[in-house]
C-alpha atoms as a PDB file:
ATOM      1  CA  MET A   1     -65.815  22.684 -86.874  1.00  0.00           C
ATOM      2  CA  TRP A   2     -66.914  25.206 -84.292  1.00  0.00           C
ATOM      3  CA  ARG A   3     -69.986  24.111 -82.410  1.00  0.00           C
ATOM      4  CA  TRP A   4     -72.024  26.181 -79.994  1.00  0.00           C
ATOM      5  CA  CYS A   5     -74.925  25.174 -77.846  1.00  0.00           C
ATOM      6  CA  ARG A   6     -76.914  27.676 -75.784  1.00  0.00           C
ATOM      7  CA  TRP A   7     -79.236  26.807 -72.950  1.00  0.00           C
ATOM      8  CA  LEU A   8     -81.840  29.520 -72.545  1.00  0.00           C
ATOM      9  CA  THR A   9     -83.377  29.149 -69.116  1.00  0.00           C
ATOM     10  CA  ARG A  10     -86.209  30.890 -67.366  1.00  0.00           C
ATOM     11  CA  THR A  11     -84.832  33.260 -64.728  1.00  0.00           C
ATOM     12  CA  ASN A  12     -84.121  31.463 -61.425  1.00  0.00           C
ATOM     13  CA  ASP A  13     -84.870  28.145 -63.100  1.00  0.00           C
ATOM     14  CA  GLY A  14     -81.757  26.708 -61.496  1.00  0.00           C
ATOM     15  CA  SER A  15     -80.668  24.930 -64.671  1.00  0.00           C
ATOM     16  CA  THR A  16     -76.918  25.224 -65.202  1.00  0.00           C
ATOM     17  CA  VAL A  17     -74.028  23.378 -66.772  1.00  0.00           C
ATOM     18  CA  GLU A  18     -72.973  22.036 -63.365  1.00  0.00           C
ATOM     19  CA  PRO A  19     -74.353  18.506 -63.959  1.00  0.00           C
ATOM     20  CA  GLU A  20     -72.242  18.381 -67.132  1.00  0.00           C
ATOM     21  CA  TYR A  21     -69.171  18.864 -64.932  1.00  0.00           C
ATOM     22  CA  PHE A  22     -70.526  16.653 -62.124  1.00  0.00           C
ATOM     23  CA  LEU A  23     -70.388  19.472 -59.582  1.00  0.00           C
ATOM     24  CA  GLU A  24     -73.936  18.285 -58.991  1.00  0.00           C
ATOM     25  CA  ARG A  25     -74.744  14.601 -59.494  1.00  0.00           C
ATOM     26  CA  PRO A  26     -77.391  14.027 -62.187  1.00  0.00           C
ATOM     27  CA  ASP A  27     -80.167  11.557 -61.305  1.00  0.00           C
ATOM     28  CA  ALA A  28     -79.887   9.672 -64.584  1.00  0.00           C
ATOM     29  CA  GLY A  29     -78.585   9.846 -68.115  1.00  0.00           C
ATOM     30  CA  VAL A  30     -75.379   9.352 -70.056  1.00  0.00           C
ATOM     31  CA  LEU A  31     -72.814  12.046 -70.800  1.00  0.00           C
ATOM     32  CA  GLU A  32     -70.338  11.684 -73.651  1.00  0.00           C
ATOM     33  CA  ILE A  33     -67.719  14.410 -74.067  1.00  0.00           C
ATOM     34  CA  GLY A  34     -64.631  13.768 -76.131  1.00  0.00           C
ATOM     35  CA  GLY A  35     -63.405  10.287 -75.301  1.00  0.00           C
ATOM     36  CA  ALA A  36     -65.184  10.108 -71.943  1.00  0.00           C
ATOM     37  CA  ARG A  37     -68.526   8.401 -71.352  1.00  0.00           C
ATOM     38  CA  VAL A  38     -70.281   8.507 -67.976  1.00  0.00           C
ATOM     39  CA  ASP A  39     -73.497   6.803 -66.903  1.00  0.00           C
ATOM     40  CA  ALA A  40     -74.823   8.957 -64.052  1.00  0.00           C
ATOM     41  CA  GLU A  41     -76.461   6.010 -62.279  1.00  0.00           C
ATOM     42  CA  LYS A  42     -73.397   3.758 -62.081  1.00  0.00           C
ATOM     43  CA  CYS A  43     -70.282   5.807 -62.764  1.00  0.00           C
ATOM     44  CA  THR A  44     -67.037   5.580 -60.826  1.00  0.00           C
ATOM     45  CA  ASN A  45     -64.914   8.434 -59.485  1.00  0.00           C
ATOM     46  CA  LYS A  46     -62.313   7.547 -62.122  1.00  0.00           C
ATOM     47  CA  GLU A  47     -64.864   7.952 -64.905  1.00  0.00           C
ATOM     48  CA  ILE A  48     -65.968  11.318 -63.504  1.00  0.00           C
ATOM     49  CA  ARG A  49     -62.349  12.449 -63.390  1.00  0.00           C
ATOM     50  CA  GLN A  50     -61.873  11.426 -67.026  1.00  0.00           C
ATOM     51  CA  LEU A  51     -64.959  13.432 -67.974  1.00  0.00           C
ATOM     52  CA  ARG A  52     -63.645  16.498 -66.157  1.00  0.00           C
ATOM     53  CA  LEU A  53     -60.317  16.197 -67.976  1.00  0.00           C
ATOM     54  CA  GLN A  54     -62.259  16.604 -71.231  1.00  0.00           C
ATOM     55  CA  THR A  55     -63.900  19.828 -70.077  1.00  0.00           C
ATOM     56  CA  ALA A  56     -63.200  23.195 -68.493  1.00  0.00           C
ATOM     57  CA  MET A  57     -65.563  25.419 -66.538  1.00  0.00           C
ATOM     58  CA  VAL A  58     -66.079  29.184 -66.593  1.00  0.00           C
ATOM     59  CA  PHE A  59     -68.049  30.227 -63.524  1.00  0.00           C
ATOM     60  CA  GLN A  60     -70.396  33.156 -62.958  1.00  0.00           C
ATOM     61  CA  ASN A  61     -68.129  34.692 -60.329  1.00  0.00           C
ATOM     62  CA  TYR A  62     -64.748  34.054 -61.987  1.00  0.00           C
ATOM     63  CA  ASN A  63     -63.292  31.875 -59.159  1.00  0.00           C
ATOM     64  CA  LEU A  64     -59.776  33.185 -59.716  1.00  0.00           C
ATOM     65  CA  PHE A  65     -56.991  32.655 -57.184  1.00  0.00           C
ATOM     66  CA  ARG A  66     -56.894  35.989 -55.378  1.00  0.00           C
ATOM     67  CA  ASN A  67     -53.221  35.638 -54.405  1.00  0.00           C
ATOM     68  CA  LYS A  68     -52.029  34.947 -57.951  1.00  0.00           C
ATOM     69  CA  THR A  69     -51.514  37.233 -60.938  1.00  0.00           C
ATOM     70  CA  ALA A  70     -53.526  36.958 -64.136  1.00  0.00           C
ATOM     71  CA  LEU A  71     -50.713  34.987 -65.755  1.00  0.00           C
ATOM     72  CA  GLN A  72     -50.319  32.698 -62.740  1.00  0.00           C
ATOM     73  CA  ASN A  73     -54.049  31.979 -62.758  1.00  0.00           C
ATOM     74  CA  VAL A  74     -53.747  30.791 -66.351  1.00  0.00           C
ATOM     75  CA  THR A  75     -50.541  28.763 -65.871  1.00  0.00           C
ATOM     76  CA  GLU A  76     -51.407  27.088 -62.543  1.00  0.00           C
ATOM     77  CA  SER A  77     -53.298  24.192 -64.113  1.00  0.00           C
ATOM     78  CA  LEU A  78     -50.646  23.726 -66.787  1.00  0.00           C
ATOM     79  CA  ILE A  79     -47.885  23.412 -64.202  1.00  0.00           C
ATOM     80  CA  VAL A  80     -49.783  21.443 -61.534  1.00  0.00           C
ATOM     81  CA  VAL A  81     -52.085  19.247 -63.652  1.00  0.00           C
ATOM     82  CA  LYS A  82     -50.219  18.939 -66.933  1.00  0.00           C
ATOM     83  CA  LYS A  83     -46.746  19.012 -65.324  1.00  0.00           C
ATOM     84  CA  MET A  84     -45.648  21.491 -67.978  1.00  0.00           C
ATOM     85  CA  PRO A  85     -42.304  23.263 -67.456  1.00  0.00           C
ATOM     86  CA  LYS A  86     -42.831  26.756 -66.034  1.00  0.00           C
ATOM     87  CA  LYS A  87     -41.259  28.580 -68.973  1.00  0.00           C
ATOM     88  CA  GLN A  88     -43.394  26.700 -71.491  1.00  0.00           C
ATOM     89  CA  ALA A  89     -46.514  27.277 -69.380  1.00  0.00           C
ATOM     90  CA  GLU A  90     -45.813  31.012 -69.202  1.00  0.00           C
ATOM     91  CA  GLU A  91     -45.343  31.219 -72.969  1.00  0.00           C
ATOM     92  CA  LEU A  92     -48.694  29.513 -73.516  1.00  0.00           C
ATOM     93  CA  GLY A  93     -50.267  31.635 -70.777  1.00  0.00           C
ATOM     94  CA  MET A  94     -49.160  34.832 -72.493  1.00  0.00           C
ATOM     95  CA  GLU A  95     -50.533  33.560 -75.786  1.00  0.00           C
ATOM     96  CA  LEU A  96     -53.907  32.966 -74.158  1.00  0.00           C
ATOM     97  CA  LEU A  97     -53.916  36.358 -72.424  1.00  0.00           C
ATOM     98  CA  ARG A  98     -53.279  37.919 -75.837  1.00  0.00           C
ATOM     99  CA  THR A  99     -56.215  35.934 -77.191  1.00  0.00           C
ATOM    100  CA  VAL A 100     -58.553  37.520 -74.627  1.00  0.00           C
ATOM    101  CA  GLY A 101     -56.968  40.962 -74.942  1.00  0.00           C
ATOM    102  CA  LEU A 102     -55.218  41.064 -71.566  1.00  0.00           C
ATOM    103  CA  GLU A 103     -51.547  40.729 -72.401  1.00  0.00           C
ATOM    104  CA  ASP A 104     -50.797  43.988 -70.573  1.00  0.00           C
ATOM    105  CA  LYS A 105     -52.494  42.705 -67.387  1.00  0.00           C
ATOM    106  CA  ARG A 106     -50.224  39.670 -66.912  1.00  0.00           C
ATOM    107  CA  ASP A 107     -48.877  40.886 -63.545  1.00  0.00           C
ATOM    108  CA  ASN A 108     -52.161  42.228 -62.188  1.00  0.00           C
ATOM    109  CA  TYR A 109     -53.911  40.524 -59.291  1.00  0.00           C
ATOM    110  CA  PRO A 110     -57.688  39.904 -59.546  1.00  0.00           C
ATOM    111  CA  ALA A 111     -58.475  42.712 -57.071  1.00  0.00           C
ATOM    112  CA  THR A 112     -56.999  45.242 -59.522  1.00  0.00           C
ATOM    113  CA  LEU A 113     -59.021  43.983 -62.503  1.00  0.00           C
ATOM    114  CA  SER A 114     -62.569  44.852 -63.515  1.00  0.00           C
ATOM    115  CA  GLY A 115     -65.225  42.165 -63.493  1.00  0.00           C
ATOM    116  CA  GLY A 116     -65.051  41.865 -67.255  1.00  0.00           C
ATOM    117  CA  GLN A 117     -61.268  41.505 -67.172  1.00  0.00           C
ATOM    118  CA  GLN A 118     -61.481  38.855 -64.452  1.00  0.00           C
ATOM    119  CA  GLN A 119     -63.964  36.871 -66.518  1.00  0.00           C
ATOM    120  CA  ARG A 120     -61.665  37.073 -69.533  1.00  0.00           C
ATOM    121  CA  VAL A 121     -58.810  35.718 -67.402  1.00  0.00           C
ATOM    122  CA  SER A 122     -61.164  32.908 -66.388  1.00  0.00           C
ATOM    123  CA  ILE A 123     -61.833  32.148 -70.064  1.00  0.00           C
ATOM    124  CA  ALA A 124     -58.084  32.116 -70.795  1.00  0.00           C
ATOM    125  CA  ARG A 125     -57.599  29.709 -67.878  1.00  0.00           C
ATOM    126  CA  ALA A 126     -60.289  27.407 -69.288  1.00  0.00           C
ATOM    127  CA  LEU A 127     -58.626  27.428 -72.701  1.00  0.00           C
ATOM    128  CA  ALA A 128     -55.229  26.567 -71.214  1.00  0.00           C
ATOM    129  CA  LEU A 129     -55.947  22.842 -70.864  1.00  0.00           C
ATOM    130  CA  ARG A 130     -57.180  22.561 -74.458  1.00  0.00           C
ATOM    131  CA  PRO A 131     -60.442  20.903 -73.358  1.00  0.00           C
ATOM    132  CA  HIS A 132     -62.795  19.142 -75.730  1.00  0.00           C
ATOM    133  CA  ALA A 133     -65.627  21.343 -74.422  1.00  0.00           C
ATOM    134  CA  ILE A 134     -65.821  24.528 -72.371  1.00  0.00           C
ATOM    135  CA  LEU A 135     -68.821  24.927 -70.080  1.00  0.00           C
ATOM    136  CA  LEU A 136     -69.854  28.509 -69.276  1.00  0.00           C
ATOM    137  CA  ASP A 137     -72.467  29.149 -66.603  1.00  0.00           C
ATOM    138  CA  GLU A 138     -74.031  32.594 -67.179  1.00  0.00           C
ATOM    139  CA  PRO A 139     -70.612  34.175 -67.857  1.00  0.00           C
ATOM    140  CA  THR A 140     -72.002  37.737 -67.900  1.00  0.00           C
ATOM    141  CA  SER A 141     -74.591  37.515 -65.112  1.00  0.00           C
ATOM    142  CA  SER A 142     -72.440  39.103 -62.395  1.00  0.00           C
ATOM    143  CA  LEU A 143     -71.094  41.915 -64.587  1.00  0.00           C
ATOM    144  CA  ASP A 144     -72.133  45.550 -64.764  1.00  0.00           C
ATOM    145  CA  PRO A 145     -73.965  46.231 -68.055  1.00  0.00           C
ATOM    146  CA  GLU A 146     -71.073  48.186 -69.574  1.00  0.00           C
ATOM    147  CA  LEU A 147     -68.724  45.219 -69.029  1.00  0.00           C
ATOM    148  CA  VAL A 148     -70.951  42.598 -70.642  1.00  0.00           C
ATOM    149  CA  THR A 149     -69.980  43.519 -74.203  1.00  0.00           C
ATOM    150  CA  GLU A 150     -66.254  42.953 -73.726  1.00  0.00           C
ATOM    151  CA  VAL A 151     -66.836  39.418 -72.440  1.00  0.00           C
ATOM    152  CA  LEU A 152     -69.314  38.558 -75.200  1.00  0.00           C
ATOM    153  CA  GLN A 153     -66.891  39.885 -77.800  1.00  0.00           C
ATOM    154  CA  THR A 154     -64.154  37.689 -76.333  1.00  0.00           C
ATOM    155  CA  ILE A 155     -66.352  34.596 -76.484  1.00  0.00           C
ATOM    156  CA  LYS A 156     -67.425  35.441 -80.023  1.00  0.00           C
ATOM    157  CA  LYS A 157     -63.773  35.819 -81.057  1.00  0.00           C
ATOM    158  CA  LEU A 158     -63.121  32.291 -79.858  1.00  0.00           C
ATOM    159  CA  ALA A 159     -65.645  31.059 -82.435  1.00  0.00           C
ATOM    160  CA  GLU A 160     -62.792  31.042 -84.927  1.00  0.00           C
ATOM    161  CA  SER A 161     -61.061  28.167 -83.116  1.00  0.00           C
ATOM    162  CA  ASP A 162     -61.970  24.473 -83.079  1.00  0.00           C
ATOM    163  CA  THR A 163     -63.670  24.265 -79.683  1.00  0.00           C
ATOM    164  CA  THR A 164     -67.088  23.233 -78.414  1.00  0.00           C
ATOM    165  CA  MET A 165     -68.863  25.507 -75.931  1.00  0.00           C
ATOM    166  CA  ILE A 166     -71.995  24.877 -73.911  1.00  0.00           C
ATOM    167  CA  ILE A 167     -73.281  28.122 -72.428  1.00  0.00           C
ATOM    168  CA  VAL A 168     -76.178  28.941 -70.125  1.00  0.00           C
ATOM    169  CA  THR A 169     -77.258  32.467 -70.995  1.00  0.00           C
ATOM    170  CA  HIS A 170     -80.068  35.009 -71.062  1.00  0.00           C
ATOM    171  CA  GLU A 171     -78.270  37.050 -73.755  1.00  0.00           C
ATOM    172  CA  MET A 172     -80.838  36.356 -76.468  1.00  0.00           C
ATOM    173  CA  ASP A 173     -79.304  38.345 -79.326  1.00  0.00           C
ATOM    174  CA  PHE A 174     -75.918  36.785 -78.680  1.00  0.00           C
ATOM    175  CA  ALA A 175     -77.421  33.304 -78.634  1.00  0.00           C
ATOM    176  CA  ARG A 176     -79.180  33.988 -81.926  1.00  0.00           C
ATOM    177  CA  ASP A 177     -76.052  35.325 -83.626  1.00  0.00           C
ATOM    178  CA  VAL A 178     -73.460  32.694 -82.749  1.00  0.00           C
ATOM    179  CA  SER A 179     -75.158  29.443 -81.708  1.00  0.00           C
ATOM    180  CA  ASP A 180     -75.396  26.291 -83.777  1.00  0.00           C
ATOM    181  CA  GLN A 181     -78.035  24.870 -81.448  1.00  0.00           C
ATOM    182  CA  VAL A 182     -80.298  26.435 -78.821  1.00  0.00           C
ATOM    183  CA  ILE A 183     -81.962  24.553 -75.979  1.00  0.00           C
ATOM    184  CA  PHE A 184     -84.763  26.278 -74.081  1.00  0.00           C
ATOM    185  CA  MET A 185     -85.355  24.939 -70.570  1.00  0.00           C
ATOM    186  CA  ALA A 186     -88.041  25.650 -67.990  1.00  0.00           C
ATOM    187  CA  ASP A 187     -88.684  24.037 -64.607  1.00  0.00           C
ATOM    188  CA  GLY A 188     -85.658  21.796 -65.071  1.00  0.00           C
ATOM    189  CA  ASN A 189     -86.907  20.280 -68.335  1.00  0.00           C
ATOM    190  CA  ILE A 190     -85.910  20.693 -71.971  1.00  0.00           C
ATOM    191  CA  VAL A 191     -88.899  22.330 -73.652  1.00  0.00           C
ATOM    192  CA  GLU A 192     -87.559  22.874 -77.147  1.00  0.00           C
ATOM    193  CA  GLN A 193     -84.288  22.606 -79.010  1.00  0.00           C
ATOM    194  CA  GLY A 194     -82.944  23.206 -82.494  1.00  0.00           C
ATOM    195  CA  PRO A 195     -81.203  25.840 -84.621  1.00  0.00           C
ATOM    196  CA  PRO A 196     -81.662  29.397 -83.288  1.00  0.00           C
ATOM    197  CA  SER A 197     -83.579  30.344 -86.437  1.00  0.00           C
ATOM    198  CA  GLU A 198     -86.226  27.792 -85.448  1.00  0.00           C
ATOM    199  CA  VAL A 199     -86.337  28.021 -81.651  1.00  0.00           C
ATOM    200  CA  LEU A 200     -86.051  31.819 -81.414  1.00  0.00           C
ATOM    201  CA  GLU A 201     -87.804  32.868 -84.621  1.00  0.00           C
ATOM    202  CA  ASN A 202     -90.408  30.144 -85.105  1.00  0.00           C
ATOM    203  CA  PRO A 203     -90.913  28.248 -81.824  1.00  0.00           C
ATOM    204  CA  GLN A 204     -93.330  25.335 -81.796  1.00  0.00           C
ATOM    205  CA  LYS A 205     -93.947  24.927 -78.069  1.00  0.00           C
ATOM    206  CA  ASP A 206     -96.368  27.152 -76.162  1.00  0.00           C
ATOM    207  CA  ARG A 207     -93.928  27.531 -73.246  1.00  0.00           C
ATOM    208  CA  THR A 208     -91.206  28.802 -75.564  1.00  0.00           C
ATOM    209  CA  LYS A 209     -93.628  31.240 -77.201  1.00  0.00           C
ATOM    210  CA  GLN A 210     -94.671  32.533 -73.770  1.00  0.00           C
ATOM    211  CA  PHE A 211     -91.049  33.048 -72.740  1.00  0.00           C
ATOM    212  CA  LEU A 212     -90.209  34.954 -75.914  1.00  0.00           C
ATOM    213  CA  ARG A 213     -93.336  37.138 -75.651  1.00  0.00           C
ATOM    214  CA  THR A 214     -92.362  38.080 -72.105  1.00  0.00           C
ATOM    215  CA  PHE A 215     -88.762  38.734 -73.128  1.00  0.00           C
ATOM    216  CA  HIS A 216     -89.727  41.042 -75.990  1.00  0.00           C
ATOM    217  CA  ALA A 217     -92.353  42.845 -73.896  1.00  0.00           C
ATOM    218  CA  ASN A 218     -89.834  43.559 -71.137  1.00  0.00           C
ATOM    219  CA  ARG A 219     -87.317  44.735 -73.712  1.00  0.00           C
ATOM    220  CA  LYS A 220     -89.690  47.434 -74.971  1.00  0.00           C
ATOM    221  CA  ARG A 221     -90.160  48.944 -71.510  1.00  0.00           C
END
């Protein structure tokens, strides 16, 4: 079953998926992803590594290897981490580039790709390891407006596969259309969570209502 979770955060709130990947150390709490369970207060480096093996990260600014082609960016983790034979890795890499609509860009370096294309390569790279969950931190925030749609369409297309995604986003319509669950955060705290039809259409918390009023008012300008 495809499961989506969106974190809607107040602008500059600083809430991201980084604690889920332990790029930042949470103060407390337990994370369970796939077969990995980590207690933030007493976890070992081995347990953190096991958690990371269950997940993949798509960053705001792509974080592609600048000296590698689109295909090489996708296959690097397969060859280095998974020890997959190069030919097999390239076959899978091409399959994933086709999935994100970039088969014809296999030999292009990041500098020759648009921001939207680079982010789609980043998504293909995340898919390569077949993670239990993909974590996306504002995947469209650094894109020009005309490039946002192509990335959102790519993510939406992936909704047909059996993958879990946790996405921090301010793309409200997108969150409403494709999410199973929405979490609204403000000042580093979870304010409200539930199905998008409840949180976005019939919020119960005053802070959520205030956020949505501001969002809709700014949209009309």
